[in-house]
Each structure stands twice: as C-alpha cells, then as structure tokens.
Amino acid sequence: MPMTSRQKIKLLKDNGFTYIPSGDGSHKKFKNFKIGRTTIVPDYPGKELGKVLEHEILKQAGLNMNCLMKEGIVMFVVYPAIFLKGFDGGYTVNVPDLDGCLTEGKNLYEAFEMAEDAICSYLFEHYIDKIAFPPASDISNIEIKLDEEEKLIFDLSGSFISYVHANVGEFIKRSENKAVKKTLSIPSYLNEIGISKGVNFSQILQDALKNEFNLS
C-alpha cells in the first residue's frame, strides 16, 4: 500500500532530510545536506501518494534501495508483493524476493499488515546472522501468473501487485527488548552475597552472555 504524504515526510526526516521552507504551497521541499539530495513531497494530509510518484521520490532522495538506514540499523525495507484475491474475499500475499515469504489476510487491510509482519519476521534471521537483505525487484518486472488449479482459488481480476513498506528497525527493537524468563541454579553462598550487595542478577547474566557471544 502506498504511503501517505505525511508518512513519506516522516520517512525522509528519519533518514536525515531537513525541511526547507518554500512558501505556502501544497508541496514541501526536503534536503539531506550530508548526501546532497533534494526532493519535493506533496503535502496532502491522509492522502496516499501514487505508486509512480512514490517511487520517484525515493529515487530522488537516494532511498530507492530496499534498505533505508538510520544510525547503522535497518529502519525500513520496501518490497513488491503479489496480492492474490480469493473468491472468499480474503487475500494471499507472496513476496517474490523473499523465497517462501507467504501470508494471508481476511481483508485487504489485514493482508497488508500481515505482509509487513511476514517481511520483518523473514528478515530478522538475516539481521541476527549478519546476512545482507535480498535486493528488492523493480515492481514493473513482477507478474501475476496462475496455474489452472490456482485459477479455481483466486480471482485474477481482483488480484494486484503493490509495494509493501516494513519497519524492520522497530521490529528488531521490539524483538531484542522482549524479555524471556530463564530458570538457572547458582550456589547458595553466591546468592546470599549477591542479595547482600544488591546485585542485579539478570543484568549480570545479560552482560556475561553478550561478552560470551561478542555482542556489543
């Protein structure tokens, strides 16, 4: 689903772009002084940008790669996805660039939400293993092809291809900060000493594990 103009403006600001006052018109100018890029975004509250315009704005901003970075952490990814409409009204979503990345939604809104979550879940393992994210294809090169069996399940006239934007950075932060309860045993004397000194056992364990796994 294309971003609204306000979402696009937030995306630019998150990636180092500064608003440049340019009169009272309905378009806003943004510049990233570090990379010397400039782009203009229509400021229509709540209105989605057209797919072509969205692509061109990303291209002008130098953010047409599938990975948009902020402080060394991948913040956003953009992948084309195929939305196959079932005759029951639901959608099955396939992200061709991510092998095996499939999901579904009972309606279009849920399908987009599930597609974003599926992309983030798929790429989280890449992030953990420090593997580069697969590059995103040009949406114009993606086609919907149904075999004879699929034609009995999906309505081709209601199916479509769209970019899906996923906030991987936020997903990573949520996943990394999620606490997992672990039960372990230590000698009683260490427990008593730790309690008397007000030691945070959980923090010490975290620090030790990070050191063991060479994590910063």
N, C-alpha and C. Protein backbone atom coordinates (compact mmCIF):
# COMPACT_ATOMS: atom_id res chain seq x y z
N MET A 1 0.84 -1.19 0.00
CA MET A 1 0.00 0.00 0.00
C MET A 1 0.88 1.24 0.00
N PRO A 2 0.64 2.17 -0.90
CA PRO A 2 1.46 3.37 -0.94
C PRO A 2 1.38 4.15 0.37
N MET A 3 2.46 4.87 0.68
CA MET A 3 2.46 5.70 1.88
C MET A 3 1.62 6.95 1.66
N THR A 4 1.12 7.53 2.76
CA THR A 4 0.52 8.85 2.67
C THR A 4 1.65 9.86 2.60
N SER A 5 1.32 11.09 2.25
CA SER A 5 2.37 12.11 2.16
C SER A 5 3.02 12.35 3.52
N ARG A 6 2.24 12.29 4.59
CA ARG A 6 2.80 12.50 5.93
C ARG A 6 3.75 11.37 6.32
N GLN A 7 3.41 10.15 5.93
CA GLN A 7 4.30 9.01 6.20
C GLN A 7 5.61 9.16 5.42
N LYS A 8 5.48 9.64 4.18
CA LYS A 8 6.68 9.83 3.37
C LYS A 8 7.56 10.93 3.96
N ILE A 9 6.95 11.98 4.46
CA ILE A 9 7.71 13.07 5.09
C ILE A 9 8.44 12.55 6.32
N LYS A 10 7.77 11.73 7.12
CA LYS A 10 8.41 11.15 8.31
C LYS A 10 9.58 10.27 7.90
N LEU A 11 9.39 9.50 6.83
CA LEU A 11 10.45 8.63 6.34
C LEU A 11 11.68 9.45 5.94
N LEU A 12 11.46 10.55 5.25
CA LEU A 12 12.58 11.42 4.86
C LEU A 12 13.30 11.99 6.08
N LYS A 13 12.53 12.46 7.06
CA LYS A 13 13.14 13.03 8.26
C LYS A 13 13.93 11.97 9.03
N ASP A 14 13.40 10.76 9.08
CA ASP A 14 14.08 9.67 9.78
C ASP A 14 15.41 9.31 9.12
N ASN A 15 15.54 9.69 7.85
CA ASN A 15 16.75 9.34 7.12
C ASN A 15 17.59 10.57 6.75
N GLY A 16 17.54 11.58 7.64
CA GLY A 16 18.47 12.69 7.55
C GLY A 16 18.04 13.88 6.71
N PHE A 17 16.78 13.92 6.26
CA PHE A 17 16.34 15.04 5.44
C PHE A 17 15.75 16.15 6.31
N THR A 18 16.03 17.38 5.91
CA THR A 18 15.57 18.56 6.64
C THR A 18 14.58 19.34 5.79
N TYR A 19 13.52 19.81 6.41
CA TYR A 19 12.52 20.60 5.70
C TYR A 19 13.10 21.97 5.34
N ILE A 20 12.94 22.35 4.08
CA ILE A 20 13.39 23.66 3.60
C ILE A 20 12.17 24.52 3.32
N PRO A 21 11.94 25.59 4.10
CA PRO A 21 10.77 26.44 3.87
C PRO A 21 10.70 26.89 2.41
N SER A 22 9.52 26.70 1.83
CA SER A 22 9.37 27.01 0.41
C SER A 22 8.00 27.60 0.10
N GLY A 23 7.58 28.57 0.91
CA GLY A 23 6.31 29.24 0.66
C GLY A 23 5.13 28.49 1.24
N ASP A 24 3.95 28.91 0.84
CA ASP A 24 2.71 28.37 1.41
C ASP A 24 2.02 27.38 0.49
N GLY A 25 2.75 26.84 -0.48
CA GLY A 25 2.14 25.90 -1.41
C GLY A 25 1.85 24.55 -0.76
N SER A 26 1.30 23.65 -1.54
CA SER A 26 0.90 22.34 -1.03
C SER A 26 2.02 21.30 -1.15
N HIS A 27 3.22 21.74 -1.54
CA HIS A 27 4.36 20.84 -1.65
C HIS A 27 5.47 21.28 -0.69
N LYS A 28 6.15 20.30 -0.11
CA LYS A 28 7.23 20.60 0.84
C LYS A 28 8.56 20.10 0.28
N LYS A 29 9.59 20.94 0.48
CA LYS A 29 10.92 20.62 -0.01
C LYS A 29 11.79 20.11 1.12
N PHE A 30 12.55 19.03 0.83
CA PHE A 30 13.42 18.43 1.83
C PHE A 30 14.81 18.21 1.24
N LYS A 31 15.83 18.42 2.07
CA LYS A 31 17.20 18.24 1.61
C LYS A 31 18.01 17.50 2.66
N ASN A 32 18.82 16.57 2.19
CA ASN A 32 19.79 15.90 3.05
C ASN A 32 21.15 16.51 2.73
N PHE A 33 21.64 17.37 3.60
CA PHE A 33 22.88 18.10 3.34
C PHE A 33 24.10 17.19 3.33
N LYS A 34 24.00 16.05 4.04
CA LYS A 34 25.13 15.14 4.11
C LYS A 34 25.39 14.46 2.77
N ILE A 35 24.31 14.07 2.08
CA ILE A 35 24.48 13.36 0.81
C ILE A 35 24.14 14.24 -0.39
N GLY A 36 23.69 15.48 -0.11
CA GLY A 36 23.43 16.43 -1.19
C GLY A 36 22.21 16.10 -2.04
N ARG A 37 21.21 15.46 -1.45
CA ARG A 37 20.00 15.08 -2.18
C ARG A 37 18.84 16.00 -1.80
N THR A 38 18.00 16.30 -2.79
CA THR A 38 16.83 17.14 -2.56
C THR A 38 15.62 16.50 -3.22
N THR A 39 14.46 16.61 -2.57
CA THR A 39 13.22 16.12 -3.16
C THR A 39 12.06 16.95 -2.66
N ILE A 40 10.96 16.90 -3.38
CA ILE A 40 9.74 17.63 -3.01
C ILE A 40 8.61 16.63 -2.86
N VAL A 41 7.82 16.79 -1.79
CA VAL A 41 6.73 15.87 -1.49
C VAL A 41 5.41 16.64 -1.41
N PRO A 42 4.37 16.19 -2.12
CA PRO A 42 3.04 16.80 -1.97
C PRO A 42 2.55 16.59 -0.54
N ASP A 43 2.05 17.63 0.10
CA ASP A 43 1.60 17.52 1.48
C ASP A 43 0.07 17.52 1.51
N TYR A 44 -0.50 16.34 1.29
CA TYR A 44 -1.94 16.18 1.31
C TYR A 44 -2.29 15.29 2.49
N PRO A 45 -2.71 15.85 3.62
CA PRO A 45 -2.98 15.05 4.82
C PRO A 45 -3.93 13.87 4.54
N GLY A 46 -3.45 12.66 4.90
CA GLY A 46 -4.29 11.48 4.79
C GLY A 46 -4.38 10.88 3.40
N LYS A 47 -3.85 11.56 2.40
CA LYS A 47 -3.96 11.07 1.03
C LYS A 47 -2.73 10.25 0.65
N GLU A 48 -2.97 9.09 0.04
CA GLU A 48 -1.86 8.25 -0.40
C GLU A 48 -1.23 8.80 -1.67
N LEU A 49 0.08 8.62 -1.78
CA LEU A 49 0.78 9.01 -2.99
C LEU A 49 0.63 7.90 -4.04
N GLY A 50 0.64 8.28 -5.30
CA GLY A 50 0.60 7.29 -6.36
C GLY A 50 1.87 6.46 -6.36
N LYS A 51 1.80 5.24 -6.84
CA LYS A 51 2.95 4.33 -6.80
C LYS A 51 4.14 4.89 -7.58
N VAL A 52 3.85 5.49 -8.76
CA VAL A 52 4.93 6.01 -9.58
C VAL A 52 5.59 7.20 -8.90
N LEU A 53 4.77 8.10 -8.35
CA LEU A 53 5.31 9.26 -7.64
C LEU A 53 6.11 8.83 -6.43
N GLU A 54 5.60 7.86 -5.70
CA GLU A 54 6.31 7.36 -4.52
C GLU A 54 7.69 6.82 -4.91
N HIS A 55 7.73 6.06 -5.99
CA HIS A 55 9.00 5.50 -6.46
C HIS A 55 9.98 6.61 -6.84
N GLU A 56 9.48 7.64 -7.52
CA GLU A 56 10.35 8.72 -7.98
C GLU A 56 10.88 9.55 -6.80
N ILE A 57 10.06 9.74 -5.78
CA ILE A 57 10.52 10.48 -4.60
C ILE A 57 11.64 9.71 -3.90
N LEU A 58 11.46 8.39 -3.75
CA LEU A 58 12.51 7.56 -3.15
C LEU A 58 13.79 7.63 -3.98
N LYS A 59 13.61 7.61 -5.29
CA LYS A 59 14.77 7.65 -6.19
C LYS A 59 15.50 8.97 -6.06
N GLN A 60 14.77 10.08 -6.06
CA GLN A 60 15.39 11.40 -5.91
C GLN A 60 16.13 11.52 -4.58
N ALA A 61 15.54 10.92 -3.55
CA ALA A 61 16.12 11.03 -2.21
C ALA A 61 17.28 10.06 -2.01
N GLY A 62 17.53 9.21 -3.02
CA GLY A 62 18.59 8.22 -2.88
C GLY A 62 18.20 7.11 -1.94
N LEU A 63 16.90 6.91 -1.74
CA LEU A 63 16.39 5.88 -0.84
C LEU A 63 15.65 4.81 -1.60
N ASN A 64 15.98 4.67 -2.88
CA ASN A 64 15.28 3.69 -3.68
C ASN A 64 15.82 2.28 -3.47
N MET A 65 16.83 2.12 -2.60
CA MET A 65 17.29 0.81 -2.22
C MET A 65 16.23 0.21 -1.31
N ASN A 66 16.26 -1.11 -1.15
CA ASN A 66 15.26 -1.71 -0.29
C ASN A 66 15.58 -1.52 1.18
N CYS A 67 16.82 -1.16 1.52
CA CYS A 67 17.19 -0.95 2.92
C CYS A 67 17.47 0.52 3.19
N LEU A 68 16.73 1.12 4.10
CA LEU A 68 16.93 2.51 4.50
C LEU A 68 17.52 2.49 5.90
N MET A 69 18.64 3.21 6.08
CA MET A 69 19.41 3.07 7.31
C MET A 69 19.27 4.30 8.21
N LYS A 70 19.35 4.05 9.49
CA LYS A 70 19.42 5.13 10.48
C LYS A 70 20.30 4.65 11.62
N GLU A 71 21.41 5.35 11.84
CA GLU A 71 22.35 5.02 12.91
C GLU A 71 22.78 3.56 12.83
N GLY A 72 23.02 3.07 11.61
CA GLY A 72 23.53 1.72 11.44
C GLY A 72 22.50 0.62 11.55
N ILE A 73 21.24 0.96 11.83
CA ILE A 73 20.19 -0.05 11.96
C ILE A 73 19.24 0.09 10.78
N VAL A 74 18.91 -1.04 10.16
CA VAL A 74 17.96 -1.00 9.06
C VAL A 74 16.62 -0.53 9.60
N MET A 75 16.07 0.55 9.04
CA MET A 75 14.82 1.09 9.53
C MET A 75 13.62 0.63 8.70
N PHE A 76 13.75 0.74 7.41
CA PHE A 76 12.64 0.39 6.54
C PHE A 76 13.13 -0.49 5.39
N VAL A 77 12.27 -1.38 4.94
CA VAL A 77 12.51 -2.09 3.70
C VAL A 77 11.28 -1.92 2.82
N VAL A 78 11.48 -2.00 1.54
CA VAL A 78 10.39 -1.85 0.59
C VAL A 78 10.49 -2.99 -0.43
N TYR A 79 9.51 -3.85 -0.45
CA TYR A 79 9.50 -4.97 -1.38
C TYR A 79 8.18 -5.02 -2.14
N PRO A 80 8.23 -5.41 -3.41
CA PRO A 80 6.97 -5.64 -4.14
C PRO A 80 6.35 -6.95 -3.68
N ALA A 81 5.04 -6.98 -3.60
CA ALA A 81 4.33 -8.19 -3.17
C ALA A 81 3.13 -8.43 -4.08
N ILE A 82 2.81 -9.70 -4.26
CA ILE A 82 1.65 -10.09 -5.07
C ILE A 82 0.49 -10.39 -4.12
N PHE A 83 -0.62 -9.70 -4.33
CA PHE A 83 -1.82 -9.90 -3.53
C PHE A 83 -2.84 -10.66 -4.38
N LEU A 84 -3.05 -11.91 -4.05
CA LEU A 84 -3.99 -12.75 -4.78
C LEU A 84 -5.32 -12.78 -4.03
N LYS A 85 -6.36 -12.31 -4.70
CA LYS A 85 -7.67 -12.25 -4.05
C LYS A 85 -8.41 -13.56 -4.21
N GLY A 86 -8.81 -14.14 -3.08
CA GLY A 86 -9.56 -15.38 -3.11
C GLY A 86 -11.03 -15.10 -3.38
N PHE A 87 -11.71 -16.08 -3.86
CA PHE A 87 -13.14 -15.92 -4.12
C PHE A 87 -13.94 -15.78 -2.83
N ASP A 88 -13.30 -16.06 -1.70
CA ASP A 88 -13.95 -15.86 -0.41
C ASP A 88 -13.77 -14.44 0.11
N GLY A 89 -13.04 -13.60 -0.65
CA GLY A 89 -12.84 -12.21 -0.26
C GLY A 89 -11.53 -11.94 0.45
N GLY A 90 -10.84 -12.99 0.86
CA GLY A 90 -9.55 -12.81 1.52
C GLY A 90 -8.42 -12.71 0.52
N TYR A 91 -7.21 -12.45 1.03
CA TYR A 91 -6.04 -12.28 0.16
C TYR A 91 -4.90 -13.19 0.64
N THR A 92 -4.22 -13.78 -0.31
CA THR A 92 -2.96 -14.47 -0.06
C THR A 92 -1.85 -13.61 -0.62
N VAL A 93 -0.81 -13.40 0.17
CA VAL A 93 0.26 -12.48 -0.22
C VAL A 93 1.57 -13.24 -0.37
N ASN A 94 2.25 -12.99 -1.48
CA ASN A 94 3.54 -13.59 -1.76
C ASN A 94 4.56 -12.49 -2.03
N VAL A 95 5.71 -12.57 -1.36
CA VAL A 95 6.79 -11.60 -1.59
C VAL A 95 7.87 -12.32 -2.39
N PRO A 96 7.89 -12.16 -3.71
CA PRO A 96 8.77 -12.96 -4.58
C PRO A 96 10.26 -12.88 -4.24
N ASP A 97 10.71 -11.72 -3.76
CA ASP A 97 12.14 -11.56 -3.49
C ASP A 97 12.59 -12.30 -2.23
N LEU A 98 11.63 -12.72 -1.41
CA LEU A 98 11.94 -13.43 -0.17
C LEU A 98 11.37 -14.84 -0.30
N ASP A 99 12.21 -15.77 -0.68
CA ASP A 99 11.78 -17.13 -1.00
C ASP A 99 10.98 -17.76 0.14
N GLY A 100 9.75 -18.11 -0.15
CA GLY A 100 8.91 -18.75 0.86
C GLY A 100 8.17 -17.80 1.76
N CYS A 101 8.27 -16.49 1.51
CA CYS A 101 7.59 -15.50 2.36
C CYS A 101 6.14 -15.36 1.90
N LEU A 102 5.26 -16.05 2.60
CA LEU A 102 3.84 -16.06 2.27
C LEU A 102 3.02 -15.73 3.50
N THR A 103 1.87 -15.10 3.30
CA THR A 103 0.96 -14.84 4.40
C THR A 103 -0.43 -14.63 3.82
N GLU A 104 -1.38 -14.26 4.67
CA GLU A 104 -2.74 -14.04 4.19
C GLU A 104 -3.46 -13.08 5.11
N GLY A 105 -4.60 -12.58 4.63
CA GLY A 105 -5.44 -11.70 5.43
C GLY A 105 -6.87 -11.86 5.00
N LYS A 106 -7.78 -11.73 5.94
CA LYS A 106 -9.19 -11.92 5.61
C LYS A 106 -9.77 -10.74 4.84
N ASN A 107 -9.05 -9.62 4.86
CA ASN A 107 -9.42 -8.45 4.06
C ASN A 107 -8.14 -7.74 3.64
N LEU A 108 -8.27 -6.68 2.83
CA LEU A 108 -7.09 -6.02 2.28
C LEU A 108 -6.24 -5.36 3.36
N TYR A 109 -6.90 -4.72 4.32
CA TYR A 109 -6.16 -4.05 5.39
C TYR A 109 -5.32 -5.06 6.18
N GLU A 110 -5.95 -6.18 6.54
CA GLU A 110 -5.23 -7.20 7.29
C GLU A 110 -4.12 -7.83 6.46
N ALA A 111 -4.36 -7.97 5.15
CA ALA A 111 -3.35 -8.55 4.26
C ALA A 111 -2.08 -7.71 4.25
N PHE A 112 -2.22 -6.38 4.20
CA PHE A 112 -1.05 -5.51 4.22
C PHE A 112 -0.34 -5.59 5.56
N GLU A 113 -1.11 -5.63 6.65
CA GLU A 113 -0.50 -5.74 7.98
C GLU A 113 0.29 -7.04 8.11
N MET A 114 -0.32 -8.13 7.66
CA MET A 114 0.33 -9.43 7.75
C MET A 114 1.55 -9.51 6.84
N ALA A 115 1.48 -8.84 5.69
CA ALA A 115 2.63 -8.83 4.78
C ALA A 115 3.81 -8.12 5.42
N GLU A 116 3.55 -6.99 6.08
CA GLU A 116 4.63 -6.26 6.76
C GLU A 116 5.25 -7.13 7.86
N ASP A 117 4.41 -7.79 8.65
CA ASP A 117 4.92 -8.63 9.73
C ASP A 117 5.70 -9.82 9.18
N ALA A 118 5.22 -10.40 8.08
CA ALA A 118 5.91 -11.54 7.48
C ALA A 118 7.29 -11.14 6.97
N ILE A 119 7.39 -9.98 6.34
CA ILE A 119 8.67 -9.48 5.84
C ILE A 119 9.64 -9.27 6.99
N CYS A 120 9.17 -8.63 8.06
CA CYS A 120 10.03 -8.37 9.21
C CYS A 120 10.50 -9.68 9.84
N SER A 121 9.59 -10.64 9.98
CA SER A 121 9.95 -11.93 10.57
C SER A 121 10.97 -12.66 9.71
N TYR A 122 10.77 -12.57 8.39
CA TYR A 122 11.68 -13.25 7.45
C TYR A 122 13.08 -12.65 7.54
N LEU A 123 13.17 -11.32 7.63
CA LEU A 123 14.46 -10.66 7.60
C LEU A 123 15.16 -10.62 8.95
N PHE A 124 14.43 -10.91 10.02
CA PHE A 124 15.03 -10.86 11.35
C PHE A 124 16.19 -11.84 11.47
N GLU A 125 16.03 -13.03 10.88
CA GLU A 125 17.10 -14.03 10.91
C GLU A 125 18.32 -13.53 10.15
N HIS A 126 18.08 -12.82 9.02
CA HIS A 126 19.20 -12.23 8.27
C HIS A 126 19.96 -11.24 9.16
N TYR A 127 19.20 -10.45 9.90
CA TYR A 127 19.81 -9.45 10.78
C TYR A 127 20.65 -10.13 11.86
N ILE A 128 20.10 -11.17 12.49
CA ILE A 128 20.80 -11.89 13.55
C ILE A 128 22.09 -12.52 13.02
N ASP A 129 22.01 -13.11 11.82
CA ASP A 129 23.16 -13.80 11.23
C ASP A 129 24.07 -12.86 10.43
N LYS A 130 23.74 -11.56 10.45
CA LYS A 130 24.52 -10.55 9.73
C LYS A 130 24.63 -10.87 8.23
N ILE A 131 23.51 -11.31 7.66
CA ILE A 131 23.43 -11.59 6.23
C ILE A 131 22.72 -10.42 5.54
N ALA A 132 23.26 -9.98 4.42
CA ALA A 132 22.65 -8.87 3.69
C ALA A 132 21.23 -9.22 3.27
N PHE A 133 20.35 -8.26 3.34
CA PHE A 133 18.97 -8.47 2.92
C PHE A 133 18.91 -8.67 1.41
N PRO A 134 18.05 -9.55 0.93
CA PRO A 134 17.90 -9.72 -0.52
C PRO A 134 17.47 -8.40 -1.17
N PRO A 135 18.02 -8.07 -2.34
CA PRO A 135 17.63 -6.83 -3.01
C PRO A 135 16.18 -6.89 -3.48
N ALA A 136 15.55 -5.75 -3.53
CA ALA A 136 14.16 -5.67 -3.98
C ALA A 136 14.10 -5.53 -5.49
N SER A 137 13.18 -6.24 -6.11
CA SER A 137 12.99 -6.16 -7.56
C SER A 137 12.23 -4.90 -7.94
N ASP A 138 12.38 -4.48 -9.17
CA ASP A 138 11.55 -3.42 -9.71
C ASP A 138 10.15 -3.97 -9.86
N ILE A 139 9.17 -3.25 -9.36
CA ILE A 139 7.80 -3.74 -9.38
C ILE A 139 7.28 -3.99 -10.80
N SER A 140 7.85 -3.28 -11.77
CA SER A 140 7.41 -3.45 -13.16
C SER A 140 7.83 -4.81 -13.73
N ASN A 141 8.76 -5.49 -13.05
CA ASN A 141 9.22 -6.79 -13.52
C ASN A 141 8.48 -7.96 -12.87
N ILE A 142 7.53 -7.64 -11.99
CA ILE A 142 6.77 -8.67 -11.29
C ILE A 142 5.47 -8.95 -12.05
N GLU A 143 5.16 -10.20 -12.25
CA GLU A 143 3.93 -10.59 -12.94
C GLU A 143 3.11 -11.54 -12.09
N ILE A 144 1.81 -11.50 -12.29
CA ILE A 144 0.92 -12.46 -11.63
C ILE A 144 0.66 -13.60 -12.60
N LYS A 145 1.07 -14.79 -12.21
CA LYS A 145 0.86 -15.97 -13.04
C LYS A 145 0.14 -17.04 -12.21
N LEU A 146 -0.99 -17.49 -12.72
CA LEU A 146 -1.77 -18.50 -12.03
C LEU A 146 -1.83 -19.77 -12.87
N ASP A 147 -1.61 -20.91 -12.21
CA ASP A 147 -1.79 -22.17 -12.93
C ASP A 147 -3.28 -22.52 -12.91
N GLU A 148 -3.64 -23.62 -13.55
CA GLU A 148 -5.05 -23.97 -13.68
C GLU A 148 -5.71 -24.21 -12.32
N GLU A 149 -4.99 -24.82 -11.41
CA GLU A 149 -5.54 -25.06 -10.07
C GLU A 149 -5.75 -23.76 -9.31
N GLU A 150 -4.78 -22.85 -9.43
CA GLU A 150 -4.89 -21.56 -8.72
C GLU A 150 -6.03 -20.71 -9.28
N LYS A 151 -6.34 -20.87 -10.54
CA LYS A 151 -7.44 -20.11 -11.15
C LYS A 151 -8.78 -20.48 -10.54
N LEU A 152 -8.85 -21.65 -9.92
CA LEU A 152 -10.08 -22.07 -9.25
C LEU A 152 -10.18 -21.48 -7.84
N ILE A 153 -9.05 -20.95 -7.35
CA ILE A 153 -9.00 -20.42 -5.98
C ILE A 153 -8.97 -18.90 -5.95
N PHE A 154 -8.25 -18.30 -6.90
CA PHE A 154 -8.03 -16.86 -6.88
C PHE A 154 -8.73 -16.15 -8.04
N ASP A 155 -9.18 -14.93 -7.73
CA ASP A 155 -9.82 -14.07 -8.73
C ASP A 155 -8.75 -13.16 -9.33
N LEU A 156 -8.32 -13.45 -10.54
CA LEU A 156 -7.25 -12.69 -11.17
C LEU A 156 -7.62 -11.22 -11.33
N SER A 157 -8.88 -10.94 -11.62
CA SER A 157 -9.30 -9.55 -11.83
C SER A 157 -9.22 -8.72 -10.55
N GLY A 158 -9.26 -9.38 -9.39
CA GLY A 158 -9.18 -8.65 -8.12
C GLY A 158 -7.80 -8.71 -7.49
N SER A 159 -6.87 -9.39 -8.16
CA SER A 159 -5.51 -9.50 -7.64
C SER A 159 -4.65 -8.36 -8.17
N PHE A 160 -3.58 -8.05 -7.46
CA PHE A 160 -2.74 -6.91 -7.86
C PHE A 160 -1.35 -7.04 -7.25
N ILE A 161 -0.46 -6.16 -7.68
CA ILE A 161 0.91 -6.09 -7.16
C ILE A 161 1.11 -4.72 -6.53
N SER A 162 1.73 -4.68 -5.37
CA SER A 162 1.96 -3.41 -4.69
C SER A 162 3.23 -3.48 -3.86
N TYR A 163 3.85 -2.33 -3.64
CA TYR A 163 4.98 -2.27 -2.72
C TYR A 163 4.44 -2.42 -1.29
N VAL A 164 5.21 -3.10 -0.47
CA VAL A 164 4.91 -3.19 0.96
C VAL A 164 6.08 -2.60 1.73
N HIS A 165 5.80 -1.62 2.57
CA HIS A 165 6.83 -0.98 3.40
C HIS A 165 6.81 -1.64 4.78
N ALA A 166 7.95 -2.04 5.26
CA ALA A 166 8.03 -2.70 6.56
C ALA A 166 9.09 -2.02 7.43
N ASN A 167 8.71 -1.69 8.66
CA ASN A 167 9.61 -1.05 9.61
C ASN A 167 10.39 -2.12 10.36
N VAL A 168 11.46 -2.59 9.74
CA VAL A 168 12.26 -3.66 10.33
C VAL A 168 12.98 -3.17 11.59
N GLY A 169 13.39 -1.92 11.59
CA GLY A 169 14.09 -1.38 12.76
C GLY A 169 13.24 -1.49 14.02
N GLU A 170 11.97 -1.12 13.91
CA GLU A 170 11.07 -1.19 15.05
C GLU A 170 10.84 -2.64 15.47
N PHE A 171 10.71 -3.52 14.48
CA PHE A 171 10.52 -4.95 14.76
C PHE A 171 11.73 -5.51 15.51
N ILE A 172 12.93 -5.12 15.07
CA ILE A 172 14.16 -5.59 15.71
C ILE A 172 14.22 -5.12 17.16
N LYS A 173 13.89 -3.85 17.37
CA LYS A 173 13.93 -3.30 18.72
C LYS A 173 12.96 -4.02 19.64
N ARG A 174 11.74 -4.28 19.14
CA ARG A 174 10.75 -4.99 19.95
C ARG A 174 11.22 -6.40 20.27
N SER A 175 11.80 -7.06 19.29
CA SER A 175 12.23 -8.44 19.47
C SER A 175 13.41 -8.53 20.43
N GLU A 176 14.35 -7.58 20.30
CA GLU A 176 15.54 -7.62 21.14
C GLU A 176 15.24 -7.25 22.59
N ASN A 177 14.20 -6.42 22.79
CA ASN A 177 13.88 -5.98 24.13
C ASN A 177 12.88 -6.89 24.82
N LYS A 178 12.38 -7.89 24.10
CA LYS A 178 11.42 -8.82 24.69
C LYS A 178 12.14 -9.71 25.70
N ALA A 179 11.65 -9.71 26.93
CA ALA A 179 12.29 -10.48 27.99
C ALA A 179 11.84 -11.94 27.93
N VAL A 180 12.78 -12.85 28.15
CA VAL A 180 12.50 -14.28 28.21
C VAL A 180 12.92 -14.78 29.59
N LYS A 181 11.98 -15.39 30.28
CA LYS A 181 12.28 -15.86 31.63
C LYS A 181 13.08 -17.15 31.58
N LYS A 182 14.23 -17.18 32.28
CA LYS A 182 15.08 -18.36 32.33
C LYS A 182 15.28 -18.75 33.80
N THR A 183 15.22 -20.04 34.05
CA THR A 183 15.46 -20.55 35.40
C THR A 183 16.85 -21.20 35.43
N LEU A 184 17.68 -20.80 36.39
CA LEU A 184 19.02 -21.37 36.49
C LEU A 184 19.39 -21.54 37.96
N SER A 185 20.41 -22.32 38.19
CA SER A 185 20.85 -22.60 39.57
C SER A 185 22.24 -22.04 39.80
N ILE A 186 22.43 -21.45 40.99
CA ILE A 186 23.75 -20.98 41.41
C ILE A 186 23.96 -21.44 42.85
N PRO A 187 25.21 -21.53 43.30
CA PRO A 187 25.47 -21.92 44.69
C PRO A 187 24.80 -20.94 45.66
N SER A 188 24.30 -21.44 46.76
CA SER A 188 23.56 -20.61 47.71
C SER A 188 24.40 -19.47 48.27
N TYR A 189 25.71 -19.72 48.46
CA TYR A 189 26.54 -18.66 49.03
C TYR A 189 26.68 -17.47 48.08
N LEU A 190 26.71 -17.77 46.75
CA LEU A 190 26.75 -16.68 45.79
C LEU A 190 25.43 -15.90 45.79
N ASN A 191 24.35 -16.63 45.97
CA ASN A 191 23.05 -15.98 46.04
C ASN A 191 22.98 -15.03 47.24
N GLU A 192 23.46 -15.50 48.39
CA GLU A 192 23.42 -14.68 49.61
C GLU A 192 24.30 -13.44 49.48
N ILE A 193 25.49 -13.62 48.91
CA ILE A 193 26.40 -12.48 48.73
C ILE A 193 25.78 -11.47 47.77
N GLY A 194 25.20 -11.99 46.70
CA GLY A 194 24.59 -11.12 45.71
C GLY A 194 23.45 -10.30 46.29
N ILE A 195 22.60 -10.95 47.09
CA ILE A 195 21.47 -10.25 47.72
C ILE A 195 21.98 -9.17 48.67
N SER A 196 23.02 -9.51 49.46
CA SER A 196 23.55 -8.54 50.43
C SER A 196 24.16 -7.32 49.75
N LYS A 197 24.65 -7.51 48.54
CA LYS A 197 25.28 -6.40 47.82
C LYS A 197 24.31 -5.72 46.83
N GLY A 198 23.07 -6.19 46.82
CA GLY A 198 22.08 -5.58 45.94
C GLY A 198 22.37 -5.81 44.46
N VAL A 199 22.92 -6.97 44.15
CA VAL A 199 23.32 -7.28 42.78
C VAL A 199 22.10 -7.54 41.90
N ASN A 200 22.13 -7.02 40.68
CA ASN A 200 21.10 -7.31 39.68
C ASN A 200 21.54 -8.56 38.90
N PHE A 201 21.05 -9.72 39.34
CA PHE A 201 21.47 -10.99 38.74
C PHE A 201 21.15 -11.04 37.24
N SER A 202 19.98 -10.53 36.88
CA SER A 202 19.57 -10.56 35.48
C SER A 202 20.52 -9.77 34.60
N GLN A 203 20.93 -8.57 35.09
CA GLN A 203 21.81 -7.72 34.29
C GLN A 203 23.20 -8.36 34.15
N ILE A 204 23.68 -8.96 35.23
CA ILE A 204 24.99 -9.62 35.17
C ILE A 204 24.97 -10.77 34.16
N LEU A 205 23.88 -11.52 34.16
CA LEU A 205 23.76 -12.63 33.21
C LEU A 205 23.72 -12.10 31.78
N GLN A 206 22.97 -11.04 31.57
CA GLN A 206 22.90 -10.44 30.23
C GLN A 206 24.28 -9.99 29.77
N ASP A 207 24.99 -9.29 30.66
CA ASP A 207 26.32 -8.78 30.31
C ASP A 207 27.29 -9.92 29.99
N ALA A 208 27.21 -10.98 30.79
CA ALA A 208 28.09 -12.14 30.58
C ALA A 208 27.80 -12.82 29.25
N LEU A 209 26.52 -12.96 28.92
CA LEU A 209 26.13 -13.60 27.66
C LEU A 209 26.55 -12.75 26.46
N LYS A 210 26.38 -11.45 26.57
CA LYS A 210 26.80 -10.55 25.49
C LYS A 210 28.31 -10.64 25.27
N ASN A 211 29.05 -10.71 26.37
CA ASN A 211 30.50 -10.85 26.28
C ASN A 211 30.88 -12.19 25.66
N GLU A 212 30.19 -13.24 26.06
CA GLU A 212 30.46 -14.59 25.53
C GLU A 212 30.18 -14.66 24.04
N PHE A 213 29.11 -13.97 23.59
CA PHE A 213 28.72 -14.02 22.17
C PHE A 213 29.31 -12.87 21.36
N ASN A 214 30.19 -12.07 22.01
CA ASN A 214 30.83 -10.94 21.32
C ASN A 214 29.80 -9.95 20.79
N LEU A 215 28.81 -9.68 21.59
CA LEU A 215 27.78 -8.70 21.23
C LEU A 215 28.04 -7.41 21.98
N SER A 216 27.84 -6.29 21.30
CA SER A 216 28.08 -5.01 21.97
C SER A 216 26.90 -4.65 22.86
